[in-house]
Amino acid sequence: MQVQNLPSEILTTLRGGTVIPAIPLALDARRQYDMKRQKALVRYYLDAGAGGLAVGVHTTQFEIREPKFDLFEPVLSSVSHMMDEHAKIRGIHPIKIGGICGRTDQALKEAQFLRTHGFHAGLISLSAFPNDPIETLLVHCRKVAEVIPLFGFYLQPSVGGRILPYEFWVRFAEIENVVGVKIAPFNRYQTLDVVRAICDAGRENEIALYTGNDDHILLDLVTEYRIHGTNASEKVRKVRIVGGLLGQWSVWTKKAVEHHRWARELARTGSPIPQEYLTLAEELTDANGAIFDVAHRFAGCIAGIHEVLRRQGFLEGTWCLNPDETLSPGQSEEISRIYRSYPHLTDDDFVQAHLSEWFK
């Protein structure tokens, strides 16, 4: 099968850096897929200035793949259509990224489905390989990359990921059809492993680095990494994390776009990082702690996202496919504290001005 090539405008956006929210799943009180509310969310993200969307990922709930729900294909195909429909109206070209899970047979089927439905890349989860050797993981990734361009994914172990060492990433970067990596271990050492590996593979100008570190978003976006080669004769490679593919950016997305634009301008000009930016970075980390429910080891992270979207009028409730996945004790109060403490992080005014339009 011939490898899919990305359209030039998509590749330019991806490498230049953009905001890619990881889209939540809209459910009604019966825990059934609510397409009207899902469409409103898609319109919101694109009108807020997001350069793309990721669907079928953790924030969309991995349970959509379970036979009793059977929602993977309905959700991803409908969201793809919703994006195309709204993009045509707005004259934009958003990046469409779909999650890929499971062992190789399942992953290949999902990759082919994504390709058939117009997705540009697949975000590949390796959670189905918890104890397999690195070589097995690489063989798996190479096979999937023959179907669709790949976004690597370093998912933190606390929500189902596994440790992926430097040795994995430097060989993963050698796969020709890798176009990006979402770095989301919530760990500075492991983040450095990925950055160093991409540079040591000589792919820093081809593979776009995106933060998934919801606890460190704004600082990731203004850091210039200088990676020294293995011997003195090698040049120092400079690279930046250019964008984010984030669950946190599925709420208050208009402000996320503004924050990203500020970060990219600081990176472009090489200006000193102002204290205001550093303070904002810590405020956003505090907000993420409440929304993602760090106090309870992320147990309420998806419900926390839903709670913010419920308060804004997008969702009717915080329901997840798994009825045991709910807001943790005190989490709603923590989100209220964030609202009181940092109203400048929210985009409620923007949402209220357009909500009825997005629901038409």
Protein backbone atom coordinates (compact mmCIF):
# COMPACT_ATOMS: atom_id res chain seq x y z
CA MET A 1 0.00 0.00 0.00
CA GLN A 2 1.33 3.42 -0.92
CA VAL A 3 2.06 5.66 2.07
CA GLN A 4 -0.36 8.54 2.45
CA ASN A 5 1.24 11.93 1.88
CA LEU A 6 0.05 14.89 3.90
CA PRO A 7 -1.32 17.90 1.99
CA SER A 8 1.18 20.75 2.01
CA GLU A 9 -1.08 23.07 4.03
CA ILE A 10 -1.54 20.39 6.70
CA LEU A 11 2.19 19.70 6.92
CA THR A 12 2.93 23.43 7.16
CA THR A 13 0.45 23.88 10.00
CA LEU A 14 1.69 20.79 11.82
CA ARG A 15 5.37 21.75 11.67
CA GLY A 16 4.70 25.41 12.37
CA GLY A 17 2.86 24.50 15.57
CA THR A 18 -0.79 24.75 16.47
CA VAL A 19 -3.46 24.06 19.09
CA ILE A 20 -4.97 20.57 18.82
CA PRO A 21 -7.62 19.84 21.46
CA ALA A 22 -8.25 16.20 22.32
CA ILE A 23 -11.98 16.18 21.82
CA PRO A 24 -14.35 14.80 24.50
CA LEU A 25 -17.30 12.54 23.77
CA ALA A 26 -20.74 14.16 24.09
CA LEU A 27 -23.24 11.86 25.80
CA ASP A 28 -26.83 12.33 26.89
CA ALA A 29 -28.38 11.25 30.21
CA ARG A 30 -28.79 7.70 28.85
CA ARG A 31 -25.09 7.64 28.01
CA GLN A 32 -25.91 7.61 24.31
CA TYR A 33 -23.89 9.49 21.70
CA ASP A 34 -25.24 13.04 21.37
CA MET A 35 -24.35 14.17 17.85
CA LYS A 36 -25.91 17.62 18.20
CA ARG A 37 -23.71 18.48 21.16
CA GLN A 38 -20.70 16.84 19.54
CA LYS A 39 -21.16 19.06 16.50
CA ALA A 40 -21.38 22.14 18.72
CA LEU A 41 -18.05 21.19 20.30
CA VAL A 42 -16.39 20.74 16.90
CA ARG A 43 -17.63 24.14 15.75
CA TYR A 44 -16.44 25.74 18.99
CA TYR A 45 -12.93 24.38 18.72
CA LEU A 46 -12.50 25.39 15.10
CA ASP A 47 -13.98 28.85 15.62
CA ALA A 48 -11.76 29.33 18.67
CA GLY A 49 -8.78 28.98 16.35
CA ALA A 50 -7.69 25.39 16.92
CA GLY A 51 -5.57 24.14 14.03
CA GLY A 52 -6.87 20.61 14.32
CA LEU A 53 -8.63 18.06 16.50
CA ALA A 54 -7.69 14.67 17.92
CA VAL A 55 -10.53 12.16 18.31
CA GLY A 56 -10.62 8.57 19.49
CA VAL A 57 -7.96 9.34 22.11
CA HIS A 58 -8.04 9.18 25.93
CA THR A 59 -10.28 12.25 26.27
CA THR A 60 -12.78 10.70 23.85
CA GLN A 61 -12.85 7.65 26.17
CA PHE A 62 -11.09 4.46 25.15
CA GLU A 63 -14.32 2.58 25.95
CA ILE A 64 -15.75 3.63 22.57
CA ARG A 65 -13.89 0.59 21.21
CA GLU A 66 -15.66 -1.91 23.46
CA PRO A 67 -18.22 -4.09 21.60
CA LYS A 68 -21.00 -3.22 24.04
CA PHE A 69 -20.72 0.44 23.03
CA ASP A 70 -19.45 0.04 19.43
CA LEU A 71 -18.85 3.77 19.05
CA PHE A 72 -15.38 3.98 17.53
CA GLU A 73 -16.51 4.11 13.92
CA PRO A 74 -19.69 6.19 14.45
CA VAL A 75 -17.87 8.81 16.52
CA LEU A 76 -14.77 9.14 14.37
CA SER A 77 -16.62 9.15 11.06
CA SER A 78 -19.15 11.71 12.26
CA VAL A 79 -16.53 14.02 13.77
CA SER A 80 -14.51 13.84 10.56
CA HIS A 81 -17.62 14.86 8.60
CA MET A 82 -18.42 17.64 11.08
CA MET A 83 -14.91 19.01 10.72
CA ASP A 84 -15.05 18.92 6.93
CA GLU A 85 -18.45 20.62 6.91
CA HIS A 86 -17.43 23.47 9.19
CA ALA A 87 -13.98 23.85 7.63
CA LYS A 88 -15.58 24.35 4.23
CA ILE A 89 -17.81 27.11 5.61
CA ARG A 90 -14.88 28.84 7.34
CA GLY A 91 -12.33 28.29 4.55
CA ILE A 92 -9.84 26.55 6.81
CA HIS A 93 -7.82 23.32 6.67
CA PRO A 94 -7.74 21.70 10.13
CA ILE A 95 -5.56 18.72 10.94
CA LYS A 96 -7.52 15.54 11.66
CA ILE A 97 -5.80 13.11 14.00
CA GLY A 98 -7.38 9.84 15.08
CA GLY A 99 -6.37 7.60 17.95
CA ILE A 100 -5.01 4.12 17.17
CA CYS A 101 -5.06 1.47 19.90
CA GLY A 102 -4.64 -2.26 20.40
CA ARG A 103 -2.34 -4.99 19.18
CA THR A 104 -1.29 -4.98 15.54
CA ASP A 105 -4.40 -6.51 13.96
CA GLN A 106 -6.70 -4.02 15.68
CA ALA A 107 -4.34 -1.10 15.10
CA LEU A 108 -4.12 -1.82 11.37
CA LYS A 109 -7.91 -1.92 11.09
CA GLU A 110 -8.21 1.38 12.94
CA ALA A 111 -5.49 2.95 10.80
CA GLN A 112 -7.22 1.89 7.61
CA PHE A 113 -10.51 3.25 8.92
CA LEU A 114 -8.88 6.59 9.69
CA ARG A 115 -7.32 6.77 6.26
CA THR A 116 -10.64 5.93 4.58
CA HIS A 117 -12.39 8.68 6.53
CA GLY A 118 -9.95 11.44 5.72
CA PHE A 119 -7.78 11.58 8.81
CA HIS A 120 -4.30 12.93 8.25
CA ALA A 121 -2.45 11.00 10.96
CA GLY A 122 -2.88 8.40 13.64
CA LEU A 123 -1.88 8.94 17.26
CA ILE A 124 -0.53 5.52 18.16
CA SER A 125 -0.98 4.21 21.70
CA LEU A 126 1.24 1.38 22.87
CA SER A 127 -0.74 0.59 26.00
CA ALA A 128 -1.63 -2.85 24.60
CA PHE A 129 2.08 -3.76 24.81
CA PRO A 130 2.76 -3.30 28.54
CA ASN A 131 5.62 -5.79 28.82
CA ASP A 132 6.70 -6.43 25.23
CA PRO A 133 10.31 -5.79 24.15
CA ILE A 134 11.13 -2.61 22.27
CA GLU A 135 11.67 -4.49 19.01
CA THR A 136 8.05 -5.73 19.11
CA LEU A 137 6.81 -2.17 19.56
CA LEU A 138 8.89 -0.94 16.64
CA VAL A 139 7.73 -3.70 14.30
CA HIS A 140 4.15 -2.80 15.25
CA CYS A 141 4.72 0.92 14.57
CA ARG A 142 6.38 0.26 11.22
CA LYS A 143 3.42 -1.81 10.05
CA VAL A 144 0.90 0.84 11.06
CA ALA A 145 3.01 3.58 9.47
CA GLU A 146 2.61 1.79 6.13
CA VAL A 147 -1.10 2.69 6.29
CA ILE A 148 -1.17 6.21 7.70
CA PRO A 149 1.30 8.86 8.93
CA LEU A 150 2.05 8.39 12.61
CA PHE A 151 2.02 10.64 15.63
CA GLY A 152 4.04 9.00 18.38
CA PHE A 153 2.51 9.08 21.85
CA TYR A 154 4.36 8.97 25.16
CA LEU A 155 1.42 8.42 27.53
CA GLN A 156 2.09 8.65 31.25
CA PRO A 157 1.94 5.30 33.05
CA SER A 158 -0.63 6.54 35.61
CA VAL A 159 -3.34 6.55 32.92
CA GLY A 160 -2.32 3.42 31.05
CA GLY A 161 0.96 4.21 29.36
CA ARG A 162 4.35 2.56 29.78
CA ILE A 163 7.93 3.73 30.10
CA LEU A 164 9.40 4.25 26.62
CA PRO A 165 13.16 4.81 26.87
CA TYR A 166 15.45 6.87 24.67
CA GLU A 167 16.42 3.71 22.76
CA PHE A 168 12.83 3.28 21.62
CA TRP A 169 12.35 6.87 20.53
CA VAL A 170 15.56 7.17 18.53
CA ARG A 171 14.56 4.11 16.51
CA PHE A 172 10.93 5.20 16.26
CA ALA A 173 12.16 8.48 14.77
CA GLU A 174 13.83 6.52 11.98
CA ILE A 175 10.41 5.40 10.67
CA GLU A 176 9.94 7.49 7.55
CA ASN A 177 6.22 8.11 7.95
CA VAL A 178 6.41 9.53 11.48
CA VAL A 179 5.24 13.15 11.32
CA GLY A 180 4.93 14.10 14.98
CA VAL A 181 5.21 13.04 18.61
CA LYS A 182 2.90 13.90 21.47
CA ILE A 183 5.10 14.03 24.56
CA ALA A 184 2.86 13.35 27.55
CA PRO A 185 4.73 11.50 30.31
CA PHE A 186 4.23 14.42 32.77
CA ASN A 187 7.92 13.98 33.52
CA ARG A 188 10.84 16.24 32.59
CA TYR A 189 13.40 13.43 32.31
CA GLN A 190 11.21 11.38 29.97
CA THR A 191 10.35 14.48 27.94
CA LEU A 192 14.08 15.04 27.42
CA ASP A 193 14.48 11.42 26.28
CA VAL A 194 12.09 12.09 23.39
CA VAL A 195 13.57 15.44 22.40
CA ARG A 196 17.12 14.09 22.47
CA ALA A 197 16.15 11.01 20.47
CA ILE A 198 14.45 13.01 17.72
CA CYS A 199 17.54 15.20 17.39
CA ASP A 200 19.99 12.29 17.50
CA ALA A 201 18.01 10.65 14.71
CA GLY A 202 18.42 13.84 12.66
CA ARG A 203 14.65 14.31 12.31
CA GLU A 204 14.14 17.50 14.33
CA ASN A 205 13.12 19.46 11.21
CA GLU A 206 10.71 16.78 10.01
CA ILE A 207 9.02 15.40 13.12
CA ALA A 208 6.93 18.01 14.91
CA LEU A 209 7.09 17.90 18.70
CA TYR A 210 3.84 18.55 20.55
CA THR A 211 3.36 18.78 24.28
CA GLY A 212 0.87 16.54 25.98
CA ASN A 213 2.28 17.50 29.37
CA ASP A 214 -0.86 19.16 30.69
CA ASP A 215 1.04 20.07 33.87
CA HIS A 216 3.75 21.99 31.98
CA ILE A 217 2.11 23.37 28.85
CA LEU A 218 3.31 26.94 28.60
CA LEU A 219 6.85 26.25 29.74
CA ASP A 220 7.18 23.43 27.21
CA LEU A 221 6.19 25.88 24.49
CA VAL A 222 8.90 28.48 25.20
CA THR A 223 11.85 26.20 25.88
CA GLU A 224 14.62 25.90 23.31
CA TYR A 225 16.38 22.56 23.60
CA ARG A 226 20.05 22.41 22.59
CA ILE A 227 21.04 18.81 22.01
CA HIS A 228 24.76 18.02 21.77
CA GLY A 229 25.84 15.10 19.63
CA THR A 230 27.76 12.08 20.80
CA ASN A 231 31.09 13.55 19.75
CA ALA A 232 32.61 17.01 19.64
CA SER A 233 32.49 17.27 15.83
CA GLU A 234 28.72 17.02 15.66
CA LYS A 235 26.71 20.22 15.52
CA VAL A 236 24.44 21.28 18.34
CA ARG A 237 20.84 20.69 17.28
CA LYS A 238 18.25 23.20 18.41
CA VAL A 239 14.60 22.25 18.60
CA ARG A 240 11.36 23.43 20.20
CA ILE A 241 8.04 21.91 21.09
CA VAL A 242 5.88 23.80 18.63
CA GLY A 243 2.32 23.01 19.69
CA GLY A 244 0.10 20.99 21.95
CA LEU A 245 -2.22 18.03 21.56
CA LEU A 246 -3.98 18.26 24.87
CA GLY A 247 -7.01 17.30 26.89
CA GLN A 248 -6.59 20.54 28.83
CA TRP A 249 -7.06 22.49 25.61
CA SER A 250 -10.50 20.92 25.12
CA VAL A 251 -11.71 23.57 27.57
CA TRP A 252 -11.17 27.34 27.36
CA THR A 253 -9.80 26.79 23.87
CA LYS A 254 -9.99 30.42 22.77
CA LYS A 255 -7.59 31.33 25.56
CA ALA A 256 -5.40 28.34 24.71
CA VAL A 257 -5.01 29.72 21.17
CA GLU A 258 -4.02 33.11 22.60
CA HIS A 259 -1.50 31.50 24.95
CA HIS A 260 -0.01 29.44 22.14
CA ARG A 261 0.29 32.49 19.91
CA TRP A 262 2.12 34.35 22.69
CA ALA A 263 4.48 31.41 23.24
CA ARG A 264 5.30 31.13 19.54
CA GLU A 265 5.99 34.86 19.31
CA LEU A 266 8.39 34.65 22.26
CA ALA A 267 10.09 31.70 20.60
CA ARG A 268 10.30 33.48 17.24
CA THR A 269 11.79 36.69 18.59
CA GLY A 270 13.98 35.17 21.28
CA SER A 271 12.63 37.75 23.70
CA PRO A 272 13.15 37.29 27.43
CA ILE A 273 10.28 35.38 29.03
CA PRO A 274 8.26 37.93 31.03
CA GLN A 275 7.25 37.26 34.61
CA GLU A 276 3.61 37.54 33.57
CA TYR A 277 4.04 34.55 31.28
CA LEU A 278 5.71 32.48 33.99
CA THR A 279 2.94 33.29 36.43
CA LEU A 280 0.31 32.38 33.82
CA ALA A 281 2.07 29.05 33.30
CA GLU A 282 1.73 28.17 36.98
CA GLU A 283 -1.89 29.31 37.09
CA LEU A 284 -2.70 27.01 34.18
CA THR A 285 -0.95 24.14 35.96
CA ASP A 286 -3.09 24.81 39.04
CA ALA A 287 -6.22 24.79 36.86
CA ASN A 288 -5.15 21.53 35.26
CA GLY A 289 -4.66 20.00 38.68
CA ALA A 290 -8.32 20.62 39.49
CA ILE A 291 -9.76 19.68 36.10
CA PHE A 292 -7.62 16.56 35.72
CA ASP A 293 -8.12 15.56 39.35
CA VAL A 294 -4.48 15.15 40.30
CA ALA A 295 -5.48 14.79 43.97
CA HIS A 296 -7.11 11.45 43.13
CA ARG A 297 -4.51 10.23 40.61
CA PHE A 298 -6.50 11.49 37.60
CA ALA A 299 -9.58 9.41 38.43
CA GLY A 300 -11.91 12.28 37.50
CA CYS A 301 -9.94 13.80 34.62
CA ILE A 302 -12.52 13.16 31.88
CA ALA A 303 -15.43 14.04 34.14
CA GLY A 304 -13.56 17.23 35.08
CA ILE A 305 -13.35 18.28 31.44
CA HIS A 306 -17.04 17.49 31.07
CA GLU A 307 -17.85 19.61 34.12
CA VAL A 308 -16.26 22.70 32.60
CA LEU A 309 -18.09 22.10 29.31
CA ARG A 310 -21.33 21.52 31.24
CA ARG A 311 -20.95 24.86 33.01
CA GLN A 312 -20.43 26.53 29.64
CA GLY A 313 -23.55 24.93 28.16
CA PHE A 314 -22.01 22.42 25.76
CA LEU A 315 -22.87 19.27 27.70
CA GLU A 316 -25.91 18.32 29.73
CA GLY A 317 -23.92 16.44 32.34
CA THR A 318 -20.58 14.85 33.16
CA TRP A 319 -21.57 11.32 32.14
CA CYS A 320 -18.96 8.89 30.86
CA LEU A 321 -19.51 5.52 29.20
CA ASN A 322 -18.14 3.92 32.34
CA PRO A 323 -20.69 4.83 35.06
CA ASP A 324 -17.96 4.59 37.70
CA GLU A 325 -16.00 7.37 36.02
CA THR A 326 -17.32 10.46 37.79
CA LEU A 327 -16.15 13.63 39.48
CA SER A 328 -14.11 12.82 42.58
CA PRO A 329 -15.13 14.10 46.03
CA GLY A 330 -14.35 17.81 46.21
CA GLN A 331 -13.41 18.09 42.53
CA SER A 332 -16.35 20.32 41.60
CA GLU A 333 -15.42 22.67 44.43
CA GLU A 334 -11.82 22.73 43.22
CA ILE A 335 -12.98 23.68 39.72
CA SER A 336 -15.08 26.47 41.27
CA ARG A 337 -11.96 27.68 43.11
CA ILE A 338 -10.12 27.84 39.79
CA TYR A 339 -12.95 29.89 38.27
CA ARG A 340 -12.80 32.35 41.18
CA SER A 341 -9.01 32.55 41.25
CA TYR A 342 -8.23 32.77 37.53
CA PRO A 343 -11.18 34.12 35.54
CA HIS A 344 -8.71 35.24 32.87
CA LEU A 345 -8.06 31.59 31.98
CA THR A 346 -11.64 31.04 30.84
CA ASP A 347 -13.29 31.90 27.54
CA ASP A 348 -16.86 32.00 28.85
CA ASP A 349 -17.62 35.34 27.19
CA PHE A 350 -16.60 33.99 23.79
CA VAL A 351 -18.66 30.84 24.32
CA GLN A 352 -21.78 32.68 25.39
CA ALA A 353 -21.55 35.00 22.40
CA HIS A 354 -21.61 32.06 19.96
CA LEU A 355 -23.22 29.11 21.74
CA SER A 356 -26.63 29.41 20.05
CA GLU A 357 -24.91 29.66 16.65
CA TRP A 358 -22.94 26.45 17.25
CA PHE A 359 -26.11 24.57 18.21
CA LYS A 360 -28.00 25.49 15.03
